[in-house]
N, C-alpha and C. Protein backbone atom coordinates (compact mmCIF):
# COMPACT_ATOMS: atom_id res chain seq x y z
N UNK A 1 -52.20 121.37 -69.49
CA UNK A 1 -50.79 121.47 -69.82
C UNK A 1 -50.08 120.15 -69.51
N UNK A 2 -50.43 119.53 -68.38
CA UNK A 2 -49.75 118.31 -67.98
C UNK A 2 -50.60 117.06 -68.19
N UNK A 3 -51.85 117.24 -68.57
CA UNK A 3 -52.68 116.09 -68.86
C UNK A 3 -53.88 115.88 -67.97
N UNK A 4 -54.00 116.61 -66.88
CA UNK A 4 -55.18 116.50 -66.03
C UNK A 4 -56.22 117.50 -66.54
N UNK A 5 -57.33 117.00 -67.02
CA UNK A 5 -58.37 117.87 -67.59
C UNK A 5 -59.08 118.70 -66.53
N UNK A 6 -59.15 118.21 -65.30
CA UNK A 6 -59.91 118.89 -64.25
C UNK A 6 -59.19 118.92 -62.91
N UNK A 7 -58.03 119.57 -62.84
CA UNK A 7 -57.38 119.65 -61.53
C UNK A 7 -58.24 120.50 -60.59
N UNK A 8 -58.24 120.16 -59.32
CA UNK A 8 -59.00 120.91 -58.32
C UNK A 8 -58.04 121.87 -57.67
N UNK A 9 -58.26 123.16 -57.83
CA UNK A 9 -57.38 124.20 -57.31
C UNK A 9 -58.16 124.99 -56.27
N UNK A 10 -57.60 125.10 -55.08
CA UNK A 10 -58.32 125.75 -53.99
C UNK A 10 -57.37 126.60 -53.17
N UNK A 11 -57.77 127.82 -52.84
CA UNK A 11 -56.93 128.61 -51.93
C UNK A 11 -56.92 127.97 -50.55
N UNK A 12 -55.86 128.21 -49.82
CA UNK A 12 -55.76 127.72 -48.45
C UNK A 12 -55.90 128.92 -47.51
N UNK A 13 -56.03 128.68 -46.22
CA UNK A 13 -56.09 129.81 -45.28
C UNK A 13 -54.80 130.63 -45.25
N UNK A 14 -53.71 130.09 -45.76
CA UNK A 14 -52.42 130.78 -45.74
C UNK A 14 -52.26 131.64 -46.98
N UNK A 15 -51.97 132.90 -46.78
CA UNK A 15 -51.79 133.83 -47.89
C UNK A 15 -50.67 133.36 -48.82
N UNK A 16 -50.93 133.37 -50.12
CA UNK A 16 -49.92 133.02 -51.11
C UNK A 16 -49.76 131.53 -51.34
N UNK A 17 -50.61 130.72 -50.75
CA UNK A 17 -50.48 129.27 -50.86
C UNK A 17 -51.78 128.68 -51.40
N UNK A 18 -51.67 127.89 -52.45
CA UNK A 18 -52.85 127.22 -52.99
C UNK A 18 -52.63 125.71 -52.95
N UNK A 19 -53.72 125.00 -52.93
CA UNK A 19 -53.66 123.54 -52.99
C UNK A 19 -54.17 123.08 -54.34
N UNK A 20 -53.55 122.05 -54.88
CA UNK A 20 -53.96 121.49 -56.16
C UNK A 20 -54.11 119.99 -56.00
N UNK A 21 -55.28 119.49 -56.33
CA UNK A 21 -55.49 118.03 -56.33
C UNK A 21 -55.58 117.61 -57.79
N UNK A 22 -54.83 116.59 -58.12
CA UNK A 22 -54.77 116.11 -59.49
C UNK A 22 -54.90 114.59 -59.51
N UNK A 23 -55.35 114.08 -60.64
CA UNK A 23 -55.40 112.62 -60.80
C UNK A 23 -54.04 112.09 -61.23
N UNK A 24 -53.13 112.98 -61.58
CA UNK A 24 -51.80 112.59 -62.02
C UNK A 24 -50.91 112.27 -60.81
N UNK A 25 -49.91 111.41 -61.00
CA UNK A 25 -48.96 111.16 -59.90
C UNK A 25 -48.21 112.45 -59.55
N UNK A 26 -48.33 112.88 -58.30
CA UNK A 26 -47.79 114.17 -57.89
C UNK A 26 -46.30 114.32 -58.14
N UNK A 27 -45.54 113.25 -57.93
CA UNK A 27 -44.10 113.34 -58.14
C UNK A 27 -43.76 113.50 -59.63
N UNK A 28 -44.56 112.91 -60.49
CA UNK A 28 -44.37 113.09 -61.93
C UNK A 28 -44.69 114.52 -62.34
N UNK A 29 -45.69 115.12 -61.70
CA UNK A 29 -46.04 116.51 -61.99
C UNK A 29 -44.87 117.42 -61.69
N UNK A 30 -44.24 117.24 -60.53
CA UNK A 30 -43.11 118.11 -60.19
C UNK A 30 -41.96 117.91 -61.16
N UNK A 31 -41.75 116.68 -61.62
CA UNK A 31 -40.69 116.41 -62.60
C UNK A 31 -41.00 117.13 -63.92
N UNK A 32 -42.25 117.08 -64.35
CA UNK A 32 -42.64 117.76 -65.60
C UNK A 32 -42.56 119.27 -65.45
N UNK A 33 -42.93 119.80 -64.29
CA UNK A 33 -42.84 121.24 -64.06
C UNK A 33 -41.39 121.71 -64.15
N UNK A 34 -40.48 120.92 -63.60
CA UNK A 34 -39.06 121.26 -63.68
C UNK A 34 -38.61 121.34 -65.14
N UNK A 35 -39.08 120.40 -65.97
CA UNK A 35 -38.72 120.40 -67.39
C UNK A 35 -39.32 121.61 -68.11
N UNK A 36 -40.54 121.97 -67.76
CA UNK A 36 -41.20 123.13 -68.38
C UNK A 36 -40.42 124.40 -68.07
N UNK A 37 -40.04 124.57 -66.82
CA UNK A 37 -39.30 125.77 -66.41
C UNK A 37 -37.94 125.84 -67.08
N UNK A 38 -37.33 124.69 -67.30
CA UNK A 38 -36.04 124.68 -68.00
C UNK A 38 -36.19 125.25 -69.40
N UNK A 39 -37.35 125.00 -70.02
CA UNK A 39 -37.59 125.51 -71.36
C UNK A 39 -38.08 126.95 -71.39
N UNK A 40 -38.98 127.32 -70.48
CA UNK A 40 -39.53 128.68 -70.44
C UNK A 40 -40.01 129.00 -69.03
N UNK A 41 -39.17 129.61 -68.22
CA UNK A 41 -39.53 129.90 -66.83
C UNK A 41 -40.75 130.81 -66.70
N UNK A 42 -41.07 131.59 -67.70
CA UNK A 42 -42.20 132.50 -67.59
C UNK A 42 -43.53 131.77 -67.52
N UNK A 43 -43.57 130.50 -67.92
CA UNK A 43 -44.82 129.74 -67.85
C UNK A 43 -45.27 129.50 -66.41
N UNK A 44 -44.34 129.53 -65.49
CA UNK A 44 -44.69 129.35 -64.08
C UNK A 44 -44.28 130.57 -63.26
N UNK A 45 -44.43 131.73 -63.84
CA UNK A 45 -44.00 132.97 -63.22
C UNK A 45 -44.62 133.20 -61.85
N UNK A 46 -45.87 132.84 -61.67
CA UNK A 46 -46.56 133.13 -60.41
C UNK A 46 -46.46 132.02 -59.38
N UNK A 47 -45.76 130.96 -59.67
CA UNK A 47 -45.57 129.91 -58.68
C UNK A 47 -44.08 129.66 -58.52
N UNK A 48 -43.66 129.40 -57.30
CA UNK A 48 -42.23 129.15 -57.13
C UNK A 48 -41.92 127.85 -56.41
N UNK A 49 -42.91 127.18 -55.84
CA UNK A 49 -42.62 125.91 -55.17
C UNK A 49 -43.81 124.97 -55.32
N UNK A 50 -43.50 123.71 -55.62
CA UNK A 50 -44.50 122.65 -55.71
C UNK A 50 -44.01 121.50 -54.86
N UNK A 51 -44.85 121.04 -53.93
CA UNK A 51 -44.47 119.95 -53.03
C UNK A 51 -45.55 118.88 -53.09
N UNK A 52 -45.20 117.66 -53.52
CA UNK A 52 -46.17 116.56 -53.48
C UNK A 52 -46.54 116.23 -52.03
N UNK A 53 -47.80 115.89 -51.81
CA UNK A 53 -48.27 115.54 -50.48
C UNK A 53 -48.71 114.08 -50.50
N UNK A 54 -48.19 113.30 -49.55
CA UNK A 54 -48.58 111.90 -49.44
C UNK A 54 -49.90 111.74 -48.70
N UNK A 55 -50.08 112.51 -47.63
CA UNK A 55 -51.36 112.43 -46.92
C UNK A 55 -51.62 113.69 -46.12
N UNK A 56 -52.90 113.92 -45.86
CA UNK A 56 -53.35 115.03 -45.04
C UNK A 56 -53.89 114.47 -43.73
N UNK A 57 -53.64 115.21 -42.66
CA UNK A 57 -54.16 114.84 -41.35
C UNK A 57 -54.40 116.11 -40.56
N UNK A 58 -54.90 115.96 -39.34
CA UNK A 58 -55.07 117.11 -38.45
C UNK A 58 -53.70 117.54 -37.94
N UNK A 59 -53.58 118.79 -37.53
CA UNK A 59 -52.27 119.31 -37.12
C UNK A 59 -51.97 119.16 -35.63
N UNK A 60 -52.79 118.41 -34.89
CA UNK A 60 -52.41 118.16 -33.50
C UNK A 60 -51.29 117.11 -33.48
N UNK A 61 -50.49 117.12 -32.44
CA UNK A 61 -49.32 116.25 -32.36
C UNK A 61 -49.68 114.78 -32.50
N UNK A 62 -50.73 114.34 -31.83
CA UNK A 62 -51.10 112.92 -31.89
C UNK A 62 -51.46 112.48 -33.31
N UNK A 63 -52.21 113.30 -34.03
CA UNK A 63 -52.57 112.95 -35.42
C UNK A 63 -51.34 112.91 -36.32
N UNK A 64 -50.43 113.87 -36.13
CA UNK A 64 -49.22 113.88 -36.94
C UNK A 64 -48.34 112.67 -36.60
N UNK A 65 -48.27 112.31 -35.32
CA UNK A 65 -47.50 111.12 -34.93
C UNK A 65 -48.07 109.87 -35.60
N UNK A 66 -49.37 109.74 -35.57
CA UNK A 66 -50.02 108.58 -36.19
C UNK A 66 -49.69 108.52 -37.69
N UNK A 67 -49.74 109.66 -38.35
CA UNK A 67 -49.44 109.70 -39.79
C UNK A 67 -47.98 109.33 -40.05
N UNK A 68 -47.07 109.86 -39.26
CA UNK A 68 -45.64 109.58 -39.44
C UNK A 68 -45.36 108.09 -39.16
N UNK A 69 -46.02 107.53 -38.16
CA UNK A 69 -45.85 106.09 -37.87
C UNK A 69 -46.22 105.26 -39.09
N UNK A 70 -47.28 105.66 -39.77
CA UNK A 70 -47.70 104.92 -40.95
C UNK A 70 -46.80 105.12 -42.16
N UNK A 71 -46.02 106.19 -42.17
CA UNK A 71 -45.18 106.50 -43.33
C UNK A 71 -43.70 106.23 -43.10
N UNK A 72 -43.32 105.93 -41.88
CA UNK A 72 -41.88 105.80 -41.60
C UNK A 72 -41.22 104.67 -42.37
N UNK A 73 -42.00 103.71 -42.84
CA UNK A 73 -41.44 102.64 -43.66
C UNK A 73 -40.93 103.11 -45.01
N UNK A 74 -41.29 104.35 -45.39
CA UNK A 74 -40.79 104.92 -46.65
C UNK A 74 -39.32 105.30 -46.55
N UNK A 75 -38.81 105.37 -45.33
CA UNK A 75 -37.38 105.61 -45.12
C UNK A 75 -36.77 104.25 -44.80
N UNK A 76 -36.09 103.71 -45.78
CA UNK A 76 -35.57 102.34 -45.69
C UNK A 76 -34.32 102.26 -44.81
N UNK A 77 -34.03 101.05 -44.36
CA UNK A 77 -32.84 100.81 -43.57
C UNK A 77 -31.61 101.21 -44.39
N UNK A 78 -30.72 101.96 -43.77
CA UNK A 78 -29.51 102.41 -44.45
C UNK A 78 -29.66 103.78 -45.11
N UNK A 79 -30.89 104.28 -45.24
CA UNK A 79 -31.09 105.61 -45.82
C UNK A 79 -30.98 106.66 -44.71
N UNK A 80 -30.51 107.83 -45.10
CA UNK A 80 -30.46 108.96 -44.18
C UNK A 80 -31.69 109.83 -44.42
N UNK A 81 -31.99 110.68 -43.46
CA UNK A 81 -33.18 111.52 -43.59
C UNK A 81 -33.02 112.81 -42.80
N UNK A 82 -33.91 113.73 -43.09
CA UNK A 82 -34.05 114.94 -42.28
C UNK A 82 -35.52 115.31 -42.28
N UNK A 83 -35.90 116.16 -41.36
CA UNK A 83 -37.27 116.63 -41.29
C UNK A 83 -37.30 118.11 -41.59
N UNK A 84 -38.28 118.52 -42.38
CA UNK A 84 -38.54 119.93 -42.63
C UNK A 84 -39.95 120.21 -42.17
N UNK A 85 -40.11 121.20 -41.32
CA UNK A 85 -41.42 121.60 -40.83
C UNK A 85 -41.68 123.04 -41.26
N UNK A 86 -42.74 123.23 -42.00
CA UNK A 86 -43.18 124.57 -42.41
C UNK A 86 -44.53 124.82 -41.75
N UNK A 87 -44.67 125.96 -41.06
CA UNK A 87 -45.92 126.28 -40.38
C UNK A 87 -46.51 127.58 -40.94
N UNK A 88 -47.80 127.54 -41.17
CA UNK A 88 -48.53 128.73 -41.59
C UNK A 88 -49.85 128.77 -40.82
N UNK A 89 -50.11 129.90 -40.22
CA UNK A 89 -51.36 130.08 -39.45
C UNK A 89 -51.51 129.00 -38.37
N UNK A 90 -50.42 128.73 -37.66
CA UNK A 90 -50.41 127.68 -36.66
C UNK A 90 -49.52 128.12 -35.50
N UNK A 91 -50.10 128.21 -34.32
CA UNK A 91 -49.33 128.64 -33.16
C UNK A 91 -49.38 127.64 -32.01
N UNK A 92 -50.03 126.51 -32.20
CA UNK A 92 -50.20 125.54 -31.12
C UNK A 92 -48.87 125.00 -30.60
N UNK A 93 -47.91 124.78 -31.48
CA UNK A 93 -46.62 124.23 -31.07
C UNK A 93 -45.51 124.92 -31.84
N UNK A 94 -44.37 125.06 -31.18
CA UNK A 94 -43.19 125.60 -31.84
C UNK A 94 -42.62 124.52 -32.75
N UNK A 95 -41.95 124.93 -33.80
CA UNK A 95 -41.35 124.01 -34.76
C UNK A 95 -40.46 122.96 -34.09
N UNK A 96 -39.67 123.38 -33.11
CA UNK A 96 -38.77 122.45 -32.41
C UNK A 96 -39.56 121.38 -31.65
N UNK A 97 -40.67 121.76 -31.03
CA UNK A 97 -41.52 120.79 -30.34
C UNK A 97 -42.03 119.72 -31.31
N UNK A 98 -42.43 120.17 -32.47
CA UNK A 98 -42.96 119.25 -33.49
C UNK A 98 -41.86 118.30 -33.94
N UNK A 99 -40.69 118.84 -34.23
CA UNK A 99 -39.57 118.02 -34.68
C UNK A 99 -39.21 116.98 -33.62
N UNK A 100 -39.10 117.39 -32.36
CA UNK A 100 -38.76 116.45 -31.28
C UNK A 100 -39.80 115.33 -31.17
N UNK A 101 -41.07 115.69 -31.24
CA UNK A 101 -42.14 114.69 -31.07
C UNK A 101 -42.16 113.69 -32.22
N UNK A 102 -41.87 114.15 -33.44
CA UNK A 102 -41.97 113.27 -34.60
C UNK A 102 -40.67 112.55 -34.92
N UNK A 103 -39.54 113.19 -34.68
CA UNK A 103 -38.25 112.60 -35.03
C UNK A 103 -37.97 111.33 -34.25
N UNK A 104 -38.44 111.26 -33.03
CA UNK A 104 -38.18 110.07 -32.22
C UNK A 104 -38.86 108.82 -32.79
N UNK A 105 -39.76 109.01 -33.74
CA UNK A 105 -40.47 107.87 -34.35
C UNK A 105 -39.68 107.23 -35.48
N UNK A 106 -38.64 107.92 -35.94
CA UNK A 106 -37.85 107.44 -37.08
C UNK A 106 -36.51 106.93 -36.55
N UNK A 107 -36.17 105.69 -36.87
CA UNK A 107 -34.95 105.09 -36.36
C UNK A 107 -33.73 105.30 -37.22
N UNK A 108 -33.90 105.84 -38.42
CA UNK A 108 -32.78 105.97 -39.35
C UNK A 108 -31.83 107.10 -38.95
N UNK A 109 -30.66 107.09 -39.55
CA UNK A 109 -29.63 108.10 -39.30
C UNK A 109 -30.03 109.44 -39.93
N UNK A 110 -29.83 110.50 -39.19
CA UNK A 110 -30.14 111.85 -39.66
C UNK A 110 -28.97 112.43 -40.43
N UNK A 111 -29.26 113.11 -41.54
CA UNK A 111 -28.27 113.85 -42.31
C UNK A 111 -28.95 115.15 -42.73
N UNK A 112 -28.59 116.25 -42.09
CA UNK A 112 -29.27 117.52 -42.34
C UNK A 112 -28.87 118.19 -43.65
N UNK A 113 -27.74 117.80 -44.22
CA UNK A 113 -27.27 118.49 -45.43
C UNK A 113 -27.52 117.72 -46.72
N UNK A 114 -27.36 116.40 -46.69
CA UNK A 114 -27.53 115.60 -47.91
C UNK A 114 -28.32 114.32 -47.62
N UNK A 115 -29.58 114.47 -47.18
CA UNK A 115 -30.35 113.27 -46.83
C UNK A 115 -30.82 112.51 -48.06
N UNK A 116 -31.03 111.22 -47.87
CA UNK A 116 -31.66 110.43 -48.93
C UNK A 116 -33.15 110.74 -49.01
N UNK A 117 -33.77 110.98 -47.85
CA UNK A 117 -35.21 111.25 -47.79
C UNK A 117 -35.47 112.46 -46.90
N UNK A 118 -36.55 113.15 -47.20
CA UNK A 118 -36.99 114.29 -46.40
C UNK A 118 -38.40 114.00 -45.91
N UNK A 119 -38.57 114.01 -44.60
CA UNK A 119 -39.90 113.93 -44.01
C UNK A 119 -40.37 115.37 -43.91
N UNK A 120 -41.31 115.72 -44.76
CA UNK A 120 -41.76 117.11 -44.84
C UNK A 120 -43.14 117.23 -44.21
N UNK A 121 -43.24 118.18 -43.29
CA UNK A 121 -44.49 118.46 -42.59
C UNK A 121 -44.86 119.90 -42.91
N UNK A 122 -45.95 120.09 -43.63
CA UNK A 122 -46.45 121.43 -43.92
C UNK A 122 -47.74 121.61 -43.13
N UNK A 123 -47.72 122.51 -42.15
CA UNK A 123 -48.89 122.74 -41.33
C UNK A 123 -49.56 124.03 -41.79
N UNK A 124 -50.85 123.90 -42.08
CA UNK A 124 -51.64 125.05 -42.51
C UNK A 124 -52.86 125.09 -41.60
N UNK A 125 -52.77 125.91 -40.57
CA UNK A 125 -53.88 125.97 -39.62
C UNK A 125 -54.11 124.64 -38.94
N UNK A 126 -55.31 124.10 -39.05
CA UNK A 126 -55.63 122.84 -38.36
C UNK A 126 -55.30 121.60 -39.17
N UNK A 127 -54.70 121.78 -40.35
CA UNK A 127 -54.36 120.63 -41.20
C UNK A 127 -52.85 120.50 -41.34
N UNK A 128 -52.41 119.26 -41.56
CA UNK A 128 -50.99 118.99 -41.80
C UNK A 128 -50.85 118.12 -43.03
N UNK A 129 -50.00 118.55 -43.95
CA UNK A 129 -49.65 117.77 -45.14
C UNK A 129 -48.34 117.08 -44.83
N UNK A 130 -48.29 115.78 -45.04
CA UNK A 130 -47.09 115.02 -44.69
C UNK A 130 -46.61 114.24 -45.91
N UNK A 131 -45.31 114.30 -46.15
CA UNK A 131 -44.71 113.62 -47.29
C UNK A 131 -43.35 113.07 -46.91
N UNK A 132 -42.99 111.97 -47.54
CA UNK A 132 -41.61 111.47 -47.48
C UNK A 132 -41.11 111.54 -48.91
N UNK A 133 -40.13 112.42 -49.13
CA UNK A 133 -39.68 112.74 -50.48
C UNK A 133 -38.18 112.57 -50.62
N UNK A 134 -37.74 112.33 -51.83
CA UNK A 134 -36.32 112.49 -52.13
C UNK A 134 -36.11 113.97 -52.44
N UNK A 135 -34.91 114.49 -52.29
CA UNK A 135 -34.69 115.92 -52.51
C UNK A 135 -35.13 116.41 -53.89
N UNK A 136 -35.06 115.56 -54.91
CA UNK A 136 -35.43 116.01 -56.25
C UNK A 136 -36.93 115.90 -56.54
N UNK A 137 -37.73 115.43 -55.60
CA UNK A 137 -39.16 115.30 -55.84
C UNK A 137 -39.94 116.57 -55.54
N UNK A 138 -39.29 117.55 -54.94
CA UNK A 138 -39.91 118.87 -54.77
C UNK A 138 -39.41 119.74 -55.90
N UNK A 139 -40.24 120.67 -56.28
CA UNK A 139 -39.85 121.59 -57.34
C UNK A 139 -39.88 123.00 -56.78
N UNK A 140 -38.77 123.70 -56.91
CA UNK A 140 -38.70 125.06 -56.39
C UNK A 140 -37.83 125.90 -57.32
N UNK A 141 -38.35 127.06 -57.68
CA UNK A 141 -37.54 127.98 -58.46
C UNK A 141 -36.56 128.67 -57.52
N UNK A 142 -35.33 128.77 -57.93
CA UNK A 142 -34.35 129.46 -57.11
C UNK A 142 -34.54 130.97 -57.29
N UNK A 143 -33.99 131.74 -56.38
CA UNK A 143 -34.10 133.19 -56.46
C UNK A 143 -33.52 133.71 -57.78
N UNK A 144 -32.33 133.25 -58.23
CA UNK A 144 -31.82 133.73 -59.52
C UNK A 144 -32.77 133.39 -60.69
N UNK A 145 -33.39 132.21 -60.66
CA UNK A 145 -34.34 131.87 -61.71
C UNK A 145 -35.52 132.83 -61.69
N UNK A 146 -36.02 133.14 -60.49
CA UNK A 146 -37.15 134.07 -60.38
C UNK A 146 -36.76 135.45 -60.90
N UNK A 147 -35.59 135.94 -60.51
CA UNK A 147 -35.16 137.27 -60.94
C UNK A 147 -34.93 137.32 -62.44
N UNK A 148 -34.38 136.25 -63.00
CA UNK A 148 -34.17 136.16 -64.43
C UNK A 148 -35.51 136.26 -65.17
N UNK A 149 -36.50 135.56 -64.66
CA UNK A 149 -37.83 135.57 -65.28
C UNK A 149 -38.45 136.96 -65.17
N UNK A 150 -38.34 137.59 -64.00
CA UNK A 150 -38.89 138.93 -63.82
C UNK A 150 -38.24 139.90 -64.80
N UNK A 151 -36.93 139.82 -64.94
CA UNK A 151 -36.22 140.71 -65.87
C UNK A 151 -36.71 140.50 -67.31
N UNK A 152 -36.87 139.23 -67.70
CA UNK A 152 -37.33 138.94 -69.06
C UNK A 152 -38.75 139.46 -69.29
N UNK A 153 -39.60 139.31 -68.29
CA UNK A 153 -41.00 139.70 -68.47
C UNK A 153 -41.22 141.20 -68.37
N UNK A 154 -40.34 141.90 -67.68
CA UNK A 154 -40.53 143.34 -67.51
C UNK A 154 -39.65 144.18 -68.43
N UNK A 155 -38.76 143.56 -69.18
CA UNK A 155 -37.89 144.30 -70.10
C UNK A 155 -38.72 144.84 -71.27
N UNK A 156 -38.39 146.04 -71.73
CA UNK A 156 -39.09 146.58 -72.89
C UNK A 156 -38.92 145.65 -74.10
N UNK A 157 -39.97 145.52 -74.89
CA UNK A 157 -39.90 144.62 -76.04
C UNK A 157 -39.17 145.25 -77.21
N UNK A 158 -39.12 146.56 -77.26
CA UNK A 158 -38.36 147.23 -78.33
C UNK A 158 -37.74 148.49 -77.77
N UNK A 159 -36.77 149.00 -78.48
CA UNK A 159 -36.11 150.23 -78.03
C UNK A 159 -37.04 151.40 -78.25
N UNK A 160 -37.09 152.33 -77.30
CA UNK A 160 -37.94 153.50 -77.49
C UNK A 160 -37.40 154.37 -78.62
N UNK A 161 -38.29 154.95 -79.35
CA UNK A 161 -37.91 155.84 -80.46
C UNK A 161 -37.75 157.26 -79.90
N UNK A 162 -36.53 157.70 -79.81
CA UNK A 162 -36.29 159.07 -79.28
C UNK A 162 -35.70 159.98 -80.35
N UNK A 163 -35.69 159.50 -81.55
CA UNK A 163 -35.18 160.33 -82.64
C UNK A 163 -33.70 160.17 -82.87
N UNK A 164 -33.00 159.48 -81.98
CA UNK A 164 -31.57 159.28 -82.15
C UNK A 164 -31.31 157.86 -82.60
N UNK A 165 -30.33 157.68 -83.42
CA UNK A 165 -29.91 156.32 -83.84
C UNK A 165 -28.50 156.07 -83.46
């Protein structure tokens, strides 16, 4: 659909979450998915969020710190940022502990509501996916979009014939 003849699709240990490796630029994929949904949301009925990943590492604090140190240059001087941490099948550290340990590595100004960049940490068991994204580089269907699609897909295709007109 998007041009990758052989994407690698693999379930993750987290229920409802799959990983996709593609030869295509991940941020371009999310942009194209957004355009596809604008035309026909039912084409992505079973998926509601796509997040490009810059790198994978282990989910221990030291490995995540090392990864963030290598990526912090993606947040330029004068840009604002925020961190989003999503955890699945991970109990080693509380979300706040992770944020405190990693946020101190970034010198830029924080803006929780309208950041220029988002440092996104997705922890899935012993692995962590780390990305520095602009807000529009993630693709997510909103709840109204999902409900609209469900209504369209579950609505009867024709009126039942009950003998009355």
